[in-house]
Amino acid sequence: MSASPDQHAAEFYAQTYDVSVADWPGEIDFYRAYATETRHNQESLLEVACGTGRVAIRLAQDGTQVVGLDLSPQMIAVARGKSRRIPNLSWVLADMRSFELEQAFGLAIIPGHAFQNLNTPQDQVACLESIRRHLIPGGRLIVHLDHQDMSWLGELMGERGGRFEPAEQFRHPHTGQQIRTSRAWSYEPATQTATCVTLWEAIAVNGEVLDRWQKQPVRLHCVFPFEMEHLLGRVDYSVEAVYGDFFRQPLSDQSSEMSWVVRKPG
């Protein structure tokens, strides 16, 4: 039986994720600093929504005991293929809103804005509670989010909304084909939801389209700072720091990122 268009796109996304998604400036060193403390305390690290292991693999290579969890079987398959010789790293196929690992961690991280895939307060709380159950007393959670650009969101409510625009180009790591990416964004202010449709095209030297993949619309919740503070308080985390980048600069109006560092009470 041939794969459905959705499966075709999910497999393509997993295969090309590592060459199409770049690290944020300073990101890996930021997580390494916290992972080093976790390792020195002989504790383990949990990465939630780990994808292909972009972050988890490098932290495990430093010697930290790492578990990566993701809902996508395609992503987990790629992660496993990349890490067969790393003994202190394991992968779990599970939903970030509800999982049981029978293991406690000194540190959990949700990189790459993945928390924003949760579109209701119920789902957000369920995720934060599931992680909290798996943290040791005093254990940390780090959540990386967008710091919302209100001017851009406003543009998505006008003519720009829903219109495909050029994005990154890259070569497929398996076929060597040149891949052209386009994205169409829209925004629903009532629900604080940004929706993204991604289209990839394999392009021949003469410009002919050889293949095409289209991802199902992805709905991302636009989290604002006070909203996040209330969510974390509802689940009984204490906020240790909120940074506006991965160099530990304070969150400001000019920040494009938010990194929340919080603790489970000890």
Protein backbone atom coordinates (compact mmCIF):
# COMPACT_ATOMS: atom_id res chain seq x y z
CA MET A 1 0.00 0.00 0.00
CA SER A 2 1.46 3.39 -0.98
CA ALA A 3 1.88 6.14 1.60
CA SER A 4 -0.82 8.80 1.88
CA PRO A 5 0.09 12.42 1.02
CA ASP A 6 0.22 13.20 4.76
CA GLN A 7 2.61 10.29 5.43
CA HIS A 8 4.66 11.30 2.38
CA ALA A 9 5.02 14.83 3.80
CA ALA A 10 5.76 13.60 7.34
CA GLU A 11 8.55 11.32 6.08
CA PHE A 12 10.00 14.11 3.95
CA TYR A 13 9.93 16.55 6.88
CA ALA A 14 11.73 14.09 9.17
CA GLN A 15 14.34 13.24 6.52
CA THR A 16 15.15 16.89 5.81
CA TYR A 17 14.65 18.47 9.23
CA ASP A 18 18.35 18.56 10.12
CA VAL A 19 19.34 20.43 6.94
CA SER A 20 16.36 22.80 6.89
CA VAL A 21 16.18 23.93 10.53
CA ALA A 22 19.14 25.82 11.97
CA ASP A 23 20.14 26.20 15.63
CA TRP A 24 19.28 29.50 17.28
CA PRO A 25 22.36 31.59 18.10
CA GLY A 26 23.84 30.39 21.39
CA GLU A 27 21.17 27.73 21.82
CA ILE A 28 23.24 24.58 22.22
CA ASP A 29 25.73 26.17 24.64
CA PHE A 30 22.78 27.45 26.69
CA TYR A 31 21.37 23.94 27.11
CA ARG A 32 24.85 22.49 27.62
CA ALA A 33 25.42 24.70 30.67
CA TYR A 34 22.30 23.34 32.38
CA ALA A 35 22.98 19.78 31.19
CA THR A 36 26.49 19.93 32.65
CA GLU A 37 25.08 20.76 36.09
CA THR A 38 22.54 17.95 35.69
CA ARG A 39 25.29 15.48 34.76
CA HIS A 40 27.51 16.53 37.68
CA ASN A 41 24.58 15.86 40.02
CA GLN A 42 24.27 12.37 38.46
CA GLU A 43 20.80 13.20 37.19
CA SER A 44 19.18 12.56 33.81
CA LEU A 45 17.74 14.93 31.23
CA LEU A 46 14.41 14.66 29.40
CA GLU A 47 13.85 16.42 26.08
CA VAL A 48 10.16 16.78 25.26
CA ALA A 49 9.25 17.08 21.55
CA CYS A 50 12.79 16.06 20.63
CA GLY A 51 12.18 15.67 16.89
CA THR A 52 15.18 14.14 15.15
CA GLY A 53 17.44 14.66 18.16
CA ARG A 54 18.91 17.99 17.03
CA VAL A 55 19.55 18.98 20.67
CA ALA A 56 19.36 15.66 22.55
CA ILE A 57 22.12 13.94 20.60
CA ARG A 58 24.67 16.66 21.26
CA LEU A 59 23.87 16.77 24.97
CA ALA A 60 24.20 12.98 25.17
CA GLN A 61 27.52 13.13 23.32
CA ASP A 62 28.79 15.31 26.17
CA GLY A 63 28.06 12.45 28.57
CA THR A 64 24.63 13.41 29.95
CA GLN A 65 22.07 10.63 30.33
CA VAL A 66 19.28 11.73 27.98
CA VAL A 67 15.78 10.55 27.09
CA GLY A 68 14.13 12.07 24.00
CA LEU A 69 10.33 11.98 23.65
CA ASP A 70 8.29 12.79 20.56
CA LEU A 71 4.88 12.03 19.04
CA SER A 72 6.15 11.57 15.46
CA PRO A 73 7.25 8.02 14.55
CA GLN A 74 9.05 9.44 11.52
CA MET A 75 11.08 11.83 13.66
CA ILE A 76 11.92 9.15 16.22
CA ALA A 77 13.03 6.79 13.44
CA VAL A 78 15.49 9.40 12.14
CA ALA A 79 16.74 10.12 15.67
CA ARG A 80 17.35 6.43 16.34
CA GLY A 81 19.21 6.05 13.06
CA LYS A 82 21.55 8.92 13.97
CA SER A 83 22.37 7.73 17.48
CA ARG A 84 22.85 3.95 17.41
CA ARG A 85 26.31 4.17 19.01
CA ILE A 86 25.35 6.51 21.87
CA PRO A 87 24.60 4.24 24.87
CA ASN A 88 23.40 7.00 27.24
CA LEU A 89 20.55 8.09 24.95
CA SER A 90 17.10 6.54 24.51
CA TRP A 91 13.98 7.48 22.58
CA VAL A 92 10.30 7.28 23.51
CA LEU A 93 7.33 7.60 21.16
CA ALA A 94 4.73 9.42 23.26
CA ASP A 95 2.44 12.44 23.51
CA MET A 96 3.86 15.35 25.51
CA ARG A 97 0.45 15.83 27.14
CA SER A 98 0.35 12.39 28.71
CA PHE A 99 3.28 10.05 29.25
CA GLU A 100 4.60 7.73 31.95
CA LEU A 101 8.31 6.87 31.91
CA GLU A 102 8.81 5.46 35.44
CA GLN A 103 11.90 7.65 35.72
CA ALA A 104 12.68 10.99 37.37
CA PHE A 105 14.82 13.72 35.82
CA GLY A 106 16.86 16.62 37.11
CA LEU A 107 16.19 18.67 33.98
CA ALA A 108 13.53 18.72 31.25
CA ILE A 109 13.67 20.92 28.15
CA ILE A 110 11.20 21.83 25.41
CA PRO A 111 13.29 23.50 22.68
CA GLY A 112 12.34 24.94 19.30
CA HIS A 113 8.98 26.53 20.21
CA ALA A 114 7.48 23.01 20.40
CA PHE A 115 5.28 23.93 23.40
CA GLN A 116 3.34 26.22 21.04
CA ASN A 117 1.88 23.18 19.29
CA LEU A 118 -0.46 22.96 22.30
CA ASN A 119 -3.48 25.09 21.43
CA THR A 120 -5.69 24.94 24.51
CA PRO A 121 -5.13 25.67 28.21
CA GLN A 122 -6.10 22.07 28.96
CA ASP A 123 -3.37 20.69 26.70
CA GLN A 124 -0.79 23.16 28.01
CA VAL A 125 -1.53 22.28 31.63
CA ALA A 126 -1.56 18.54 30.87
CA CYS A 127 1.93 18.82 29.34
CA LEU A 128 3.34 20.86 32.21
CA GLU A 129 1.82 18.45 34.74
CA SER A 130 3.18 15.39 32.93
CA ILE A 131 6.67 16.89 32.98
CA ARG A 132 6.35 17.94 36.63
CA ARG A 133 5.53 14.36 37.63
CA HIS A 134 8.83 13.29 36.07
CA LEU A 135 11.03 15.91 37.75
CA ILE A 136 12.86 15.30 41.00
CA PRO A 137 12.12 17.82 43.79
CA GLY A 138 13.92 21.00 42.79
CA GLY A 139 14.26 19.80 39.19
CA ARG A 140 14.26 22.35 36.37
CA LEU A 141 12.19 22.79 33.23
CA ILE A 142 13.29 25.04 30.34
CA VAL A 143 10.68 26.11 27.76
CA HIS A 144 11.71 27.98 24.60
CA LEU A 145 8.98 30.13 23.02
CA ASP A 146 8.54 32.85 20.43
CA HIS A 147 8.36 36.38 21.81
CA GLN A 148 5.49 37.55 19.67
CA ASP A 149 6.07 40.15 16.94
CA MET A 150 2.81 42.07 16.98
CA SER A 151 3.50 43.93 13.74
CA TRP A 152 4.02 40.63 11.87
CA LEU A 153 0.91 39.08 13.40
CA GLY A 154 -1.03 42.19 12.36
CA GLU A 155 0.17 41.76 8.77
CA LEU A 156 -1.14 38.19 8.75
CA MET A 157 -4.64 39.54 9.39
CA GLY A 158 -4.44 41.53 6.14
CA GLU A 159 -3.43 40.74 2.57
CA ARG A 160 -0.34 38.80 3.65
CA GLY A 161 -2.42 36.21 5.53
CA GLY A 162 -2.73 32.86 3.77
CA ARG A 163 -0.40 33.86 0.91
CA PHE A 164 2.49 31.56 0.07
CA GLU A 165 5.88 33.30 0.32
CA PRO A 166 9.39 31.98 -0.41
CA ALA A 167 11.28 30.49 2.52
CA GLU A 168 14.54 28.50 2.84
CA GLN A 169 16.18 26.40 0.13
CA PHE A 170 18.35 23.35 0.79
CA ARG A 171 19.48 20.04 -0.70
CA HIS A 172 17.74 16.81 0.22
CA PRO A 173 20.27 14.81 2.27
CA HIS A 174 19.31 11.51 0.59
CA THR A 175 18.60 12.45 -3.02
CA GLY A 176 20.71 15.58 -3.43
CA GLN A 177 17.75 17.35 -5.02
CA GLN A 178 17.42 21.11 -4.62
CA ILE A 179 14.40 21.81 -2.42
CA ARG A 180 12.44 25.05 -2.58
CA THR A 181 10.23 25.92 0.42
CA SER A 182 7.17 28.18 0.53
CA ARG A 183 5.00 29.01 3.54
CA ALA A 184 1.61 30.57 4.04
CA TRP A 185 0.83 32.03 7.47
CA SER A 186 -2.44 33.31 8.91
CA TYR A 187 -3.45 34.52 12.38
CA GLU A 188 -6.61 34.24 14.46
CA PRO A 189 -6.50 36.90 17.20
CA ALA A 190 -9.49 35.50 19.12
CA THR A 191 -7.61 32.26 19.81
CA GLN A 192 -4.04 33.65 19.55
CA THR A 193 -3.38 31.02 16.89
CA ALA A 194 -0.91 31.34 14.01
CA THR A 195 -1.49 28.73 11.30
CA CYS A 196 1.28 27.68 8.91
CA VAL A 197 1.03 25.66 5.69
CA THR A 198 4.40 24.53 4.30
CA LEU A 199 4.99 23.48 0.69
CA TRP A 200 8.24 21.89 -0.50
CA GLU A 201 9.18 21.37 -4.17
CA ALA A 202 12.10 19.41 -5.62
CA ILE A 203 13.47 21.52 -8.46
CA ALA A 204 15.44 20.28 -11.50
CA VAL A 205 18.31 22.28 -13.01
CA ASN A 206 15.94 23.58 -15.70
CA GLY A 207 13.43 24.72 -13.06
CA GLU A 208 11.00 21.83 -13.54
CA VAL A 209 9.17 20.67 -10.41
CA LEU A 210 10.10 17.01 -9.88
CA ASP A 211 8.16 16.30 -6.70
CA ARG A 212 6.00 18.16 -4.22
CA TRP A 213 5.16 17.74 -0.53
CA GLN A 214 2.63 19.77 1.44
CA LYS A 215 2.38 19.64 5.21
CA GLN A 216 -1.01 19.72 6.86
CA PRO A 217 -1.76 23.13 8.46
CA VAL A 218 0.14 23.49 11.74
CA ARG A 219 -1.63 25.54 14.42
CA LEU A 220 0.74 27.29 16.81
CA HIS A 221 -0.47 29.08 19.91
CA CYS A 222 1.07 32.54 20.36
CA VAL A 223 2.02 32.59 24.03
CA PHE A 224 2.44 35.93 25.77
CA PRO A 225 4.63 36.45 28.88
CA PHE A 226 1.92 36.98 31.50
CA GLU A 227 -0.05 34.05 30.08
CA MET A 228 2.99 31.79 30.50
CA GLU A 229 3.56 33.04 34.03
CA HIS A 230 -0.02 32.18 34.97
CA LEU A 231 0.22 28.74 33.35
CA LEU A 232 3.40 27.90 35.25
CA GLY A 233 1.91 29.12 38.52
CA ARG A 234 -1.20 27.01 37.96
CA VAL A 235 0.97 23.89 37.79
CA ASP A 236 3.11 25.01 40.77
CA TYR A 237 6.41 25.81 39.11
CA SER A 238 8.54 28.65 40.45
CA VAL A 239 10.12 30.94 37.85
CA GLU A 240 13.89 31.15 38.15
CA ALA A 241 14.59 33.30 35.06
CA VAL A 242 13.11 34.53 31.79
CA TYR A 243 15.60 35.29 29.03
CA GLY A 244 15.16 37.12 25.74
CA ASP A 245 17.83 35.10 23.94
CA PHE A 246 20.23 32.21 24.55
CA PHE A 247 22.94 34.56 25.84
CA ARG A 248 20.88 35.19 29.00
CA GLN A 249 19.92 38.73 28.13
CA PRO A 250 16.74 39.90 29.89
CA LEU A 251 13.46 39.72 28.00
CA SER A 252 12.77 43.09 26.35
CA ASP A 253 10.50 44.61 23.72
CA GLN A 254 13.18 43.86 21.13
CA SER A 255 13.56 40.18 22.06
CA SER A 256 12.50 37.64 19.44
CA GLU A 257 12.69 34.66 21.83
CA MET A 258 11.61 33.72 25.36
CA SER A 259 13.37 31.06 27.40
CA TRP A 260 11.65 30.26 30.68
CA VAL A 261 13.75 28.51 33.34
CA VAL A 262 11.50 27.19 36.11
CA ARG A 263 11.72 24.75 39.01
CA LYS A 264 9.54 22.17 40.66
CA PRO A 265 9.45 23.10 44.36
CA GLY A 266 11.95 21.16 46.42
